[in-house]
Amino acid sequence: MEYISTMTDKEANFDHADIPTAPSPAANAIPESKKTSIIFSGEMRPFWIFVFSSLLLVAVDFLYLDLAWAVASAIILFALALLLYSGILRIIKKAELSRAVSERLEGIISTIPDGVIVYDRDFRVTIFNPAAEGIFSVRRDEIVGQTIGPNRAQDPKLRLLAQTIFPSLAPLAVKRSEPGAIPQVVDISLSDPALELRVATSPVLAGNEAAGFIKVIIDRTREVEIYRSKSEFITVAAHQLQNPITTIYWALDILRKDASLSEESKEVVREGFVSSQNLSKIVNDLLDVSKIEEGKFGYNFQDVNITSFFGEIMKNAAPAAKSAGVNLYFDPGKETTLTINIDPAKLAMAVSNLIDNGIRYNLKNGSVTVSLDRLPDKPFVKIAIKDTGVGIPPEGMDKLFKKFFRAENAVKVQTEGTGLGLYIAKNIVKRHGGSIWAESVLGRGTTFYFTLPTDPKYIPHKEAPYEE
């Protein structure tokens, strides 16, 4: 689900493919050359203190005790010394292995081209790789060991880093993953300097509990700028085409009403008029997509009776359905008085597109049924738009809401179409705080489902583009 959201770090998770596998004990066994240095290392100090004290005690025993008792005491102390030596050596070996694994892990992380930040449950940074230094313009030695809380956003040097660790502090954060999914992915837009980051957050587990968190940060600034440039080009081109297309449209509209034209000329004018209508729709769709991707589509939310809203849309779709020989049905269920917060103009655009598809790709004497149903124990209403048309091939289901996609069987039924309607519909539904999906059986029809929240708090507070 892609919605603007505040993501808590306890919801974050990690791509396990990126976790280095622990080296085998054999691969990290301590070389013979190091054993001597280990025996005389600082970690062995307690053992040597014990040995020295034991030797003094044995000497005293031999001076003041019987020989048998002195020997027994020496044997006991020797056995204890061996146990102590063995225990300390095991501890040292584990520490050496842990250090080796840690060094290898840090070495791997330092070569990753994306930023990597690891911090504990108290938000104290433990790893900060070179790529992260480049993204946030902060040196590793300035960050490692520091606690980065929300208050650090007031520090100009650490503001971008704090906004990345706490996405709710960023100017714009768009959640790209389902709640509880692994990893939690969010797109963050930062300012001064302008950065576009994709952040995947995951827990570092110790047993069944999160001992800390790891963030992998992908700098998408250049990619987003290129995408925006392309979108701006399409916007400019579409705007430039609008005026001449409108002029052609009105000229052909006047000509098709001219009674002095021959039937042959009228047919040519009619075809030109229909083509100008289609061209105008293509240009308008391109402009709508550009506005959506810039986050400037513009929404005006208001409380609307959802049953009356759908009833009006069905009434407007009736002439097209009648012309195509398709029956329209509306089942409001029990929701005759349900009022929800929507942008009626934008949502009507999305719903009309779904109904229009159901009509255009249907069979003669087929049907399109729209039904409403409130979800049990959830603050959402589900809308289903079911048709008895040609259906969608299984291989096309994953591409259904992508820009410019049209299934092969749909192209055969209707040669004209932009493939932008479902992309626009998805963005409109998402902006309302809902989800949209489809089910289809090839040759037997398709059902589009989408949800709308009955509680306004689920509506995103900012407009943002949603990925395909």
Protein backbone atom coordinates (compact mmCIF):
# COMPACT_ATOMS: atom_id res chain seq x y z
CA MET A 1 0.00 0.00 0.00
CA GLU A 2 1.43 3.39 -0.98
CA TYR A 3 0.25 6.20 1.20
CA ILE A 4 1.70 9.21 2.94
CA SER A 5 2.38 8.05 6.43
CA THR A 6 4.45 8.44 9.55
CA MET A 7 6.48 5.26 9.91
CA THR A 8 7.65 4.17 13.33
CA ASP A 9 10.99 2.38 13.42
CA LYS A 10 9.40 -0.56 15.23
CA GLU A 11 7.52 -1.24 11.99
CA ALA A 12 10.80 -1.34 10.04
CA ASN A 13 12.48 -4.46 8.73
CA PHE A 14 15.41 -5.66 6.60
CA ASP A 15 16.18 -7.38 3.32
CA HIS A 16 17.77 -10.54 4.65
CA ALA A 17 19.69 -11.06 1.43
CA ASP A 18 21.85 -8.12 2.48
CA ILE A 19 22.82 -9.65 5.83
CA PRO A 20 26.28 -11.19 5.55
CA THR A 21 26.39 -14.85 6.54
CA ALA A 22 28.39 -15.61 9.65
CA PRO A 23 31.83 -17.04 8.83
CA SER A 24 32.39 -20.68 9.77
CA PRO A 25 34.48 -21.37 12.91
CA ALA A 26 37.10 -23.13 10.77
CA ALA A 27 37.45 -20.13 8.51
CA ASN A 28 37.99 -17.87 11.50
CA ALA A 29 40.10 -20.17 13.66
CA ILE A 30 42.93 -18.31 15.41
CA PRO A 31 46.24 -18.95 13.63
CA GLU A 32 49.06 -20.60 15.57
CA SER A 33 51.16 -17.45 15.20
CA LYS A 34 48.61 -15.51 17.25
CA LYS A 35 48.26 -17.97 20.11
CA THR A 36 51.45 -16.75 21.86
CA SER A 37 50.29 -13.15 21.69
CA ILE A 38 46.88 -14.21 23.03
CA ILE A 39 48.49 -16.00 26.02
CA PHE A 40 50.32 -12.83 26.99
CA SER A 41 47.54 -10.43 26.03
CA GLY A 42 45.75 -8.11 28.46
CA GLU A 43 42.69 -10.36 28.49
CA MET A 44 44.83 -13.03 30.24
CA ARG A 45 45.71 -10.74 33.18
CA PRO A 46 43.23 -12.41 35.59
CA PHE A 47 44.75 -15.81 34.79
CA TRP A 48 48.33 -14.69 35.52
CA ILE A 49 47.26 -13.00 38.74
CA PHE A 50 45.63 -16.29 39.77
CA VAL A 51 48.78 -18.28 38.82
CA PHE A 52 51.06 -15.95 40.76
CA SER A 53 48.80 -16.06 43.82
CA SER A 54 48.54 -19.85 43.57
CA LEU A 55 52.34 -20.23 43.43
CA LEU A 56 52.69 -18.13 46.57
CA LEU A 57 50.01 -20.21 48.28
CA VAL A 58 51.70 -23.49 47.25
CA ALA A 59 55.05 -22.21 48.58
CA VAL A 60 53.42 -21.34 51.92
CA ASP A 61 51.68 -24.76 52.00
CA PHE A 62 55.00 -26.58 51.53
CA LEU A 63 56.54 -24.55 54.35
CA TYR A 64 53.76 -25.00 56.94
CA LEU A 65 51.71 -28.08 55.90
CA ASP A 66 52.42 -31.77 55.67
CA LEU A 67 53.77 -32.89 52.33
CA ALA A 68 50.54 -34.77 51.45
CA TRP A 69 48.34 -31.74 52.15
CA ALA A 70 50.70 -29.44 50.30
CA VAL A 71 50.70 -31.71 47.21
CA ALA A 72 46.88 -31.99 47.32
CA SER A 73 46.59 -28.21 47.57
CA ALA A 74 48.96 -27.76 44.64
CA ILE A 75 46.97 -30.24 42.49
CA ILE A 76 43.67 -28.49 43.28
CA LEU A 77 45.13 -25.08 42.46
CA PHE A 78 46.67 -26.45 39.25
CA ALA A 79 43.30 -27.87 38.17
CA LEU A 80 41.59 -24.55 38.90
CA ALA A 81 44.29 -22.75 36.91
CA LEU A 82 43.66 -25.05 33.93
CA LEU A 83 39.90 -24.44 34.12
CA LEU A 84 40.44 -20.69 34.38
CA TYR A 85 42.89 -20.73 31.48
CA SER A 86 40.52 -22.78 29.31
CA GLY A 87 37.56 -20.49 30.10
CA ILE A 88 39.47 -17.29 29.42
CA LEU A 89 40.89 -18.72 26.19
CA ARG A 90 37.39 -19.60 24.97
CA ILE A 91 36.20 -16.09 25.78
CA ILE A 92 39.15 -14.58 23.91
CA LYS A 93 38.56 -16.80 20.89
CA LYS A 94 34.89 -15.77 20.78
CA ALA A 95 35.88 -12.12 21.09
CA GLU A 96 38.44 -12.52 18.28
CA LEU A 97 35.83 -14.25 16.10
CA SER A 98 33.29 -11.54 16.86
CA ARG A 99 35.80 -8.83 16.02
CA ALA A 100 36.71 -10.61 12.78
CA VAL A 101 33.05 -10.90 11.77
CA SER A 102 32.44 -7.28 12.72
CA GLU A 103 35.43 -6.11 10.70
CA ARG A 104 34.32 -8.15 7.69
CA LEU A 105 30.78 -6.77 8.00
CA GLU A 106 32.02 -3.19 8.22
CA GLY A 107 34.30 -3.84 5.25
CA ILE A 108 31.36 -5.08 3.18
CA ILE A 109 29.12 -2.19 4.27
CA SER A 110 31.83 0.36 3.45
CA THR A 111 31.83 -0.80 -0.19
CA ILE A 112 28.05 -0.60 -0.65
CA PRO A 113 27.22 2.30 -3.00
CA ASP A 114 24.04 3.13 -1.05
CA GLY A 115 24.01 4.77 2.34
CA VAL A 116 23.88 2.41 5.33
CA ILE A 117 23.12 3.55 8.89
CA VAL A 118 22.88 1.19 11.85
CA TYR A 119 21.68 2.39 15.24
CA ASP A 120 20.54 0.78 18.47
CA ARG A 121 17.20 1.01 20.25
CA ASP A 122 18.29 4.29 21.84
CA PHE A 123 19.04 5.69 18.35
CA ARG A 124 22.78 5.69 18.99
CA VAL A 125 24.56 5.32 15.64
CA THR A 126 26.98 2.39 15.45
CA ILE A 127 27.67 2.17 11.68
CA PHE A 128 27.76 5.01 9.15
CA ASN A 129 29.27 4.05 5.81
CA PRO A 130 31.10 6.31 3.29
CA ALA A 131 28.04 6.52 1.00
CA ALA A 132 26.00 7.87 3.93
CA GLU A 133 28.76 10.44 4.56
CA GLY A 134 28.33 11.63 0.97
CA ILE A 135 24.53 11.80 1.13
CA PHE A 136 24.30 13.69 4.43
CA SER A 137 27.59 15.63 4.28
CA VAL A 138 28.56 14.39 7.73
CA ARG A 139 31.77 12.54 8.60
CA ARG A 140 31.63 9.11 10.20
CA ASP A 141 33.68 10.21 13.22
CA GLU A 142 31.16 13.00 13.86
CA ILE A 143 28.21 10.59 13.93
CA VAL A 144 29.22 7.17 15.24
CA GLY A 145 28.43 7.01 18.95
CA GLN A 146 26.02 9.96 18.73
CA THR A 147 22.34 9.62 19.66
CA ILE A 148 20.11 10.99 16.89
CA GLY A 149 16.71 11.86 18.35
CA PRO A 150 13.94 14.02 16.84
CA ASN A 151 15.41 17.08 18.58
CA ARG A 152 18.54 16.82 16.40
CA ALA A 153 16.44 18.08 13.48
CA GLN A 154 17.02 21.55 14.95
CA ASP A 155 20.75 21.20 14.25
CA PRO A 156 21.37 22.40 10.65
CA LYS A 157 24.22 19.89 10.24
CA LEU A 158 22.12 16.91 11.36
CA ARG A 159 18.67 18.03 10.15
CA LEU A 160 18.61 15.87 6.99
CA LEU A 161 19.86 12.82 8.91
CA ALA A 162 17.25 13.24 11.65
CA GLN A 163 14.49 13.63 9.03
CA THR A 164 15.65 10.39 7.40
CA ILE A 165 15.68 8.45 10.67
CA PHE A 166 12.29 9.97 11.58
CA PRO A 167 10.36 10.32 8.26
CA SER A 168 7.48 12.16 9.95
CA LEU A 169 9.84 15.14 10.31
CA ALA A 170 10.53 15.31 6.56
CA PRO A 171 8.66 17.79 4.32
CA LEU A 172 7.15 14.84 2.42
CA ALA A 173 7.21 11.10 3.11
CA VAL A 174 5.37 8.56 0.96
CA LYS A 175 5.13 5.02 2.27
CA ARG A 176 5.78 2.37 -0.40
CA SER A 177 5.32 -0.87 1.57
CA GLU A 178 2.48 -2.65 3.30
CA PRO A 179 2.24 -2.22 7.10
CA GLY A 180 4.42 -4.84 8.78
CA ALA A 181 6.15 -5.83 5.52
CA ILE A 182 9.89 -6.56 5.35
CA PRO A 183 11.48 -4.13 4.70
CA GLN A 184 9.54 -0.95 5.43
CA VAL A 185 10.16 1.35 2.46
CA VAL A 186 9.44 5.06 2.36
CA ASP A 187 10.29 7.77 -0.20
CA ILE A 188 11.45 10.96 1.49
CA SER A 189 11.69 14.37 -0.14
CA LEU A 190 14.10 16.70 1.64
CA SER A 191 14.90 20.34 1.05
CA ASP A 192 17.94 22.62 1.41
CA PRO A 193 19.60 20.81 -0.23
CA ALA A 194 16.95 19.08 -2.31
CA LEU A 195 17.23 15.31 -1.96
CA GLU A 196 14.98 12.47 -3.06
CA LEU A 197 15.72 9.39 -0.96
CA ARG A 198 14.28 5.89 -0.84
CA VAL A 199 14.82 4.44 2.63
CA ALA A 200 14.41 0.78 3.61
CA THR A 201 14.34 0.24 7.37
CA SER A 202 14.71 -3.09 9.14
CA PRO A 203 15.22 -4.36 12.67
CA VAL A 204 18.51 -5.87 13.79
CA LEU A 205 17.22 -8.86 15.73
CA ALA A 206 18.65 -10.29 18.92
CA GLY A 207 16.56 -13.38 19.46
CA ASN A 208 12.96 -12.31 18.93
CA GLU A 209 13.54 -8.66 19.87
CA ALA A 210 14.88 -5.73 17.90
CA ALA A 211 18.25 -4.72 19.29
CA GLY A 212 18.48 -1.87 16.80
CA PHE A 213 17.69 -0.85 13.24
CA ILE A 214 19.44 -0.64 9.90
CA LYS A 215 18.56 1.83 7.17
CA VAL A 216 19.61 1.45 3.55
CA ILE A 217 19.34 4.82 1.78
CA ILE A 218 19.18 5.10 -2.01
CA ASP A 219 19.79 8.59 -3.39
CA ARG A 220 17.21 8.98 -6.18
CA THR A 221 17.69 12.73 -6.68
CA ARG A 222 19.13 12.52 -10.20
CA GLU A 223 16.64 9.86 -11.25
CA VAL A 224 13.71 11.94 -10.01
CA GLU A 225 15.05 15.08 -11.70
CA ILE A 226 15.28 13.25 -15.05
CA TYR A 227 11.76 11.92 -14.55
CA ARG A 228 10.48 15.41 -13.77
CA SER A 229 12.20 16.83 -16.85
CA LYS A 230 10.47 14.24 -19.02
CA SER A 231 7.16 15.03 -17.35
CA GLU A 232 7.66 18.76 -17.90
CA PHE A 233 8.38 18.15 -21.58
CA ILE A 234 5.14 16.19 -21.95
CA THR A 235 3.25 18.96 -20.13
CA VAL A 236 4.63 21.69 -22.38
CA ALA A 237 3.94 19.65 -25.52
CA ALA A 238 0.38 18.84 -24.43
CA HIS A 239 -0.31 22.49 -23.60
CA GLN A 240 0.97 23.55 -27.02
CA LEU A 241 -1.31 21.00 -28.70
CA GLN A 242 -4.42 22.00 -26.77
CA ASN A 243 -5.23 25.24 -28.64
CA PRO A 244 -4.94 23.92 -32.22
CA ILE A 245 -6.87 20.77 -31.30
CA THR A 246 -9.66 22.86 -29.77
CA THR A 247 -9.77 25.04 -32.89
CA ILE A 248 -10.03 21.97 -35.15
CA TYR A 249 -12.71 20.49 -32.88
CA TRP A 250 -14.94 23.56 -33.04
CA ALA A 251 -14.41 23.97 -36.80
CA LEU A 252 -15.45 20.37 -37.45
CA ASP A 253 -18.37 20.70 -35.05
CA ILE A 254 -19.69 23.63 -37.09
CA LEU A 255 -19.13 21.82 -40.39
CA ARG A 256 -20.94 18.66 -39.31
CA LYS A 257 -24.06 20.73 -38.72
CA ASP A 258 -23.90 22.30 -42.19
CA ALA A 259 -26.88 20.98 -44.15
CA SER A 260 -25.38 22.02 -47.50
CA LEU A 261 -22.64 19.35 -47.32
CA SER A 262 -23.00 16.17 -49.32
CA GLU A 263 -23.38 12.87 -47.43
CA GLU A 264 -19.83 11.91 -48.40
CA SER A 265 -18.47 15.17 -47.02
CA LYS A 266 -20.56 14.84 -43.86
CA GLU A 267 -19.09 11.37 -43.24
CA VAL A 268 -15.55 12.75 -43.62
CA VAL A 269 -16.37 15.60 -41.23
CA ARG A 270 -17.94 13.19 -38.72
CA GLU A 271 -14.83 11.00 -38.74
CA GLY A 272 -12.61 14.05 -38.31
CA PHE A 273 -14.81 15.31 -35.47
CA VAL A 274 -14.58 11.95 -33.61
CA SER A 275 -10.80 11.85 -34.17
CA SER A 276 -10.44 15.38 -32.78
CA GLN A 277 -12.43 14.30 -29.71
CA ASN A 278 -10.11 11.32 -29.20
CA LEU A 279 -7.03 13.48 -29.70
CA SER A 280 -8.36 16.00 -27.19
CA LYS A 281 -8.87 13.20 -24.64
CA ILE A 282 -5.31 11.95 -25.17
CA VAL A 283 -3.90 15.44 -24.58
CA ASN A 284 -6.07 15.94 -21.49
CA ASP A 285 -5.00 12.55 -20.10
CA LEU A 286 -1.33 13.46 -20.62
CA LEU A 287 -1.87 16.74 -18.81
CA ASP A 288 -3.65 14.97 -15.94
CA VAL A 289 -0.79 12.45 -15.60
CA SER A 290 1.77 15.27 -15.56
CA LYS A 291 -0.16 17.11 -12.85
CA ILE A 292 -0.45 13.90 -10.81
CA GLU A 293 3.28 13.21 -11.07
CA GLU A 294 4.08 16.75 -10.00
CA GLY A 295 1.72 16.44 -7.04
CA LYS A 296 -0.37 19.30 -8.45
CA PHE A 297 -3.56 17.58 -9.58
CA GLY A 298 -5.52 19.62 -7.05
CA TYR A 299 -8.18 18.11 -4.79
CA ASN A 300 -11.18 19.69 -3.13
CA PHE A 301 -12.53 17.34 -0.46
CA GLN A 302 -16.08 17.66 0.83
CA ASP A 303 -18.70 15.52 2.55
CA VAL A 304 -20.86 13.72 -0.02
CA ASN A 305 -23.62 11.13 0.20
CA ILE A 306 -21.90 8.20 -1.50
CA THR A 307 -25.14 6.53 -2.66
CA SER A 308 -26.38 9.67 -4.40
CA PHE A 309 -22.90 10.20 -5.86
CA PHE A 310 -22.82 6.78 -7.52
CA GLY A 311 -26.44 7.06 -8.58
CA GLU A 312 -25.61 10.23 -10.54
CA ILE A 313 -22.59 8.60 -12.20
CA MET A 314 -24.71 5.62 -13.27
CA LYS A 315 -27.31 8.00 -14.69
CA ASN A 316 -24.64 9.77 -16.77
CA ALA A 317 -23.26 6.43 -18.04
CA ALA A 318 -26.67 5.11 -19.12
CA PRO A 319 -26.67 6.60 -22.69
CA ALA A 320 -23.28 5.02 -23.53
CA ALA A 321 -24.42 1.68 -22.08
CA LYS A 322 -27.64 1.77 -24.07
CA SER A 323 -25.75 2.58 -27.27
CA ALA A 324 -23.40 -0.39 -26.67
CA GLY A 325 -26.26 -2.75 -25.75
CA VAL A 326 -24.97 -3.22 -22.19
CA ASN A 327 -27.18 -3.30 -19.09
CA LEU A 328 -26.27 -1.18 -16.07
CA TYR A 329 -27.13 -2.21 -12.50
CA PHE A 330 -26.54 -0.42 -9.21
CA ASP A 331 -26.70 -2.14 -5.82
CA PRO A 332 -26.22 0.39 -2.98
CA GLY A 333 -26.62 -2.32 -0.34
CA LYS A 334 -27.59 -0.91 3.04
CA GLU A 335 -25.61 2.31 2.62
CA THR A 336 -28.42 4.68 1.67
CA THR A 337 -27.33 7.51 3.97
CA LEU A 338 -23.54 7.01 4.14
CA THR A 339 -21.65 10.31 3.87
CA ILE A 340 -17.89 10.31 3.28
CA ASN A 341 -15.23 12.90 2.53
CA ILE A 342 -14.24 12.89 -1.16
CA ASP A 343 -13.39 15.13 -4.09
CA PRO A 344 -16.54 14.49 -6.16
CA ALA A 345 -15.07 15.73 -9.46
CA LYS A 346 -11.84 13.71 -9.25
CA LEU A 347 -13.48 10.56 -7.89
CA ALA A 348 -16.18 10.78 -10.58
CA MET A 349 -13.37 10.81 -13.16
CA ALA A 350 -11.94 7.57 -11.74
CA VAL A 351 -15.30 5.79 -11.36
CA SER A 352 -16.54 6.88 -14.78
CA ASN A 353 -13.37 5.51 -16.33
CA LEU A 354 -13.88 2.11 -14.68
CA ILE A 355 -17.54 1.96 -15.76
CA ASP A 356 -16.65 3.13 -19.26
CA ASN A 357 -14.08 0.32 -19.55
CA GLY A 358 -16.75 -2.15 -18.40
CA ILE A 359 -19.05 -0.93 -21.18
CA ARG A 360 -16.45 -0.66 -23.97
CA TYR A 361 -14.92 -4.10 -23.42
CA ASN A 362 -18.20 -5.91 -22.79
CA LEU A 363 -20.28 -8.24 -24.92
CA LYS A 364 -23.60 -7.48 -26.57
CA ASN A 365 -26.39 -7.82 -23.96
CA GLY A 366 -23.74 -8.01 -21.27
CA SER A 367 -23.88 -6.11 -17.97
CA VAL A 368 -21.96 -3.79 -15.66
CA THR A 369 -22.90 -3.95 -11.98
CA VAL A 370 -21.77 -1.42 -9.39
CA SER A 371 -22.20 -2.38 -5.74
CA LEU A 372 -21.36 -0.78 -2.37
CA ASP A 373 -20.51 -2.65 0.79
CA ARG A 374 -19.16 -1.38 4.09
CA LEU A 375 -16.23 -3.48 5.36
CA PRO A 376 -16.95 -5.16 8.71
CA ASP A 377 -14.92 -3.78 11.64
CA LYS A 378 -12.99 -1.43 9.33
CA PRO A 379 -13.58 2.27 8.58
CA PHE A 380 -13.83 1.66 4.83
CA VAL A 381 -16.49 1.13 2.19
CA LYS A 382 -15.70 -1.24 -0.71
CA ILE A 383 -16.96 -0.54 -4.21
CA ALA A 384 -17.09 -3.30 -6.83
CA ILE A 385 -17.53 -2.64 -10.57
CA LYS A 386 -18.20 -5.98 -12.27
CA ASP A 387 -18.57 -6.56 -15.99
CA THR A 388 -19.25 -9.58 -18.20
CA GLY A 389 -16.71 -8.57 -20.83
CA VAL A 390 -13.62 -10.01 -22.50
CA GLY A 391 -11.59 -10.21 -19.31
CA ILE A 392 -7.86 -9.61 -18.81
CA PRO A 393 -5.12 -12.17 -19.60
CA PRO A 394 -3.29 -13.42 -16.47
CA GLU A 395 0.03 -12.07 -17.76
CA GLY A 396 -1.49 -8.58 -17.96
CA MET A 397 -2.77 -8.35 -14.39
CA ASP A 398 0.55 -7.10 -12.93
CA LYS A 399 0.76 -4.33 -15.57
CA LEU A 400 -2.86 -3.28 -15.32
CA PHE A 401 -2.29 0.05 -13.56
CA LYS A 402 0.88 0.99 -15.42
CA LYS A 403 0.93 3.94 -17.78
CA PHE A 404 0.16 3.20 -21.44
CA PHE A 405 -0.57 -0.48 -20.82
CA ARG A 406 -3.40 -2.09 -22.82
CA ALA A 407 -4.00 -5.83 -22.93
CA GLU A 408 -3.79 -7.44 -26.37
CA ASN A 409 -7.41 -8.63 -26.34
CA ALA A 410 -8.58 -5.13 -25.33
CA VAL A 411 -6.73 -3.59 -28.29
CA LYS A 412 -8.53 -6.00 -30.62
CA VAL A 413 -11.93 -4.96 -29.23
CA GLN A 414 -11.19 -1.22 -29.08
CA THR A 415 -8.25 -0.02 -31.18
CA GLU A 416 -8.30 3.47 -29.66
CA GLY A 417 -7.25 4.24 -26.10
CA THR A 418 -4.36 5.83 -24.22
CA GLY A 419 -3.77 3.23 -21.51
CA LEU A 420 -3.68 6.06 -18.96
CA GLY A 421 -7.17 5.78 -17.46
CA LEU A 422 -6.39 3.07 -14.89
CA TYR A 423 -3.16 4.80 -13.85
CA ILE A 424 -5.12 8.01 -13.22
CA ALA A 425 -7.88 6.09 -11.42
CA LYS A 426 -5.35 4.40 -9.13
CA ASN A 427 -3.77 7.72 -8.16
CA ILE A 428 -7.16 9.28 -7.45
CA VAL A 429 -8.21 6.35 -5.22
CA LYS A 430 -4.85 6.37 -3.41
CA ARG A 431 -5.13 10.12 -2.82
CA HIS A 432 -8.48 9.43 -1.15
CA GLY A 433 -6.78 6.98 1.24
CA GLY A 434 -8.08 3.84 -0.45
CA SER A 435 -6.72 0.86 -2.38
CA ILE A 436 -7.62 -0.47 -5.82
CA TRP A 437 -7.22 -3.93 -7.35
CA ALA A 438 -8.84 -6.21 -9.92
CA GLU A 439 -9.88 -9.81 -10.46
CA SER A 440 -10.53 -11.25 -13.90
CA VAL A 441 -11.33 -14.44 -15.78
CA LEU A 442 -10.37 -14.32 -19.45
CA GLY A 443 -13.49 -14.35 -21.60
CA ARG A 444 -15.83 -14.08 -18.60
CA GLY A 445 -15.34 -10.59 -17.27
CA THR A 446 -13.47 -8.40 -14.82
CA THR A 447 -14.26 -6.94 -11.42
CA PHE A 448 -12.49 -3.81 -10.22
CA TYR A 449 -12.54 -3.20 -6.48
CA PHE A 450 -11.55 -0.10 -4.58
CA THR A 451 -11.97 1.14 -1.04
CA LEU A 452 -12.68 4.57 0.38
CA PRO A 453 -12.24 5.50 4.04
CA THR A 454 -15.33 6.47 6.00
CA ASP A 455 -13.06 8.21 8.53
CA PRO A 456 -11.29 11.33 7.12
CA LYS A 457 -8.18 10.69 9.23
CA TYR A 458 -7.17 7.99 6.74
CA ILE A 459 -7.00 10.50 3.89
CA PRO A 460 -3.35 11.53 3.22
CA HIS A 461 -2.72 15.08 4.34
CA LYS A 462 -0.63 15.92 1.25
CA GLU A 463 -0.90 15.22 -2.44
CA ALA A 464 1.88 13.05 -3.84
CA PRO A 465 2.36 10.86 -6.92
CA TYR A 466 2.02 7.12 -6.43
CA GLU A 467 4.13 4.58 -8.24
CA GLU A 468 2.77 2.29 -10.89
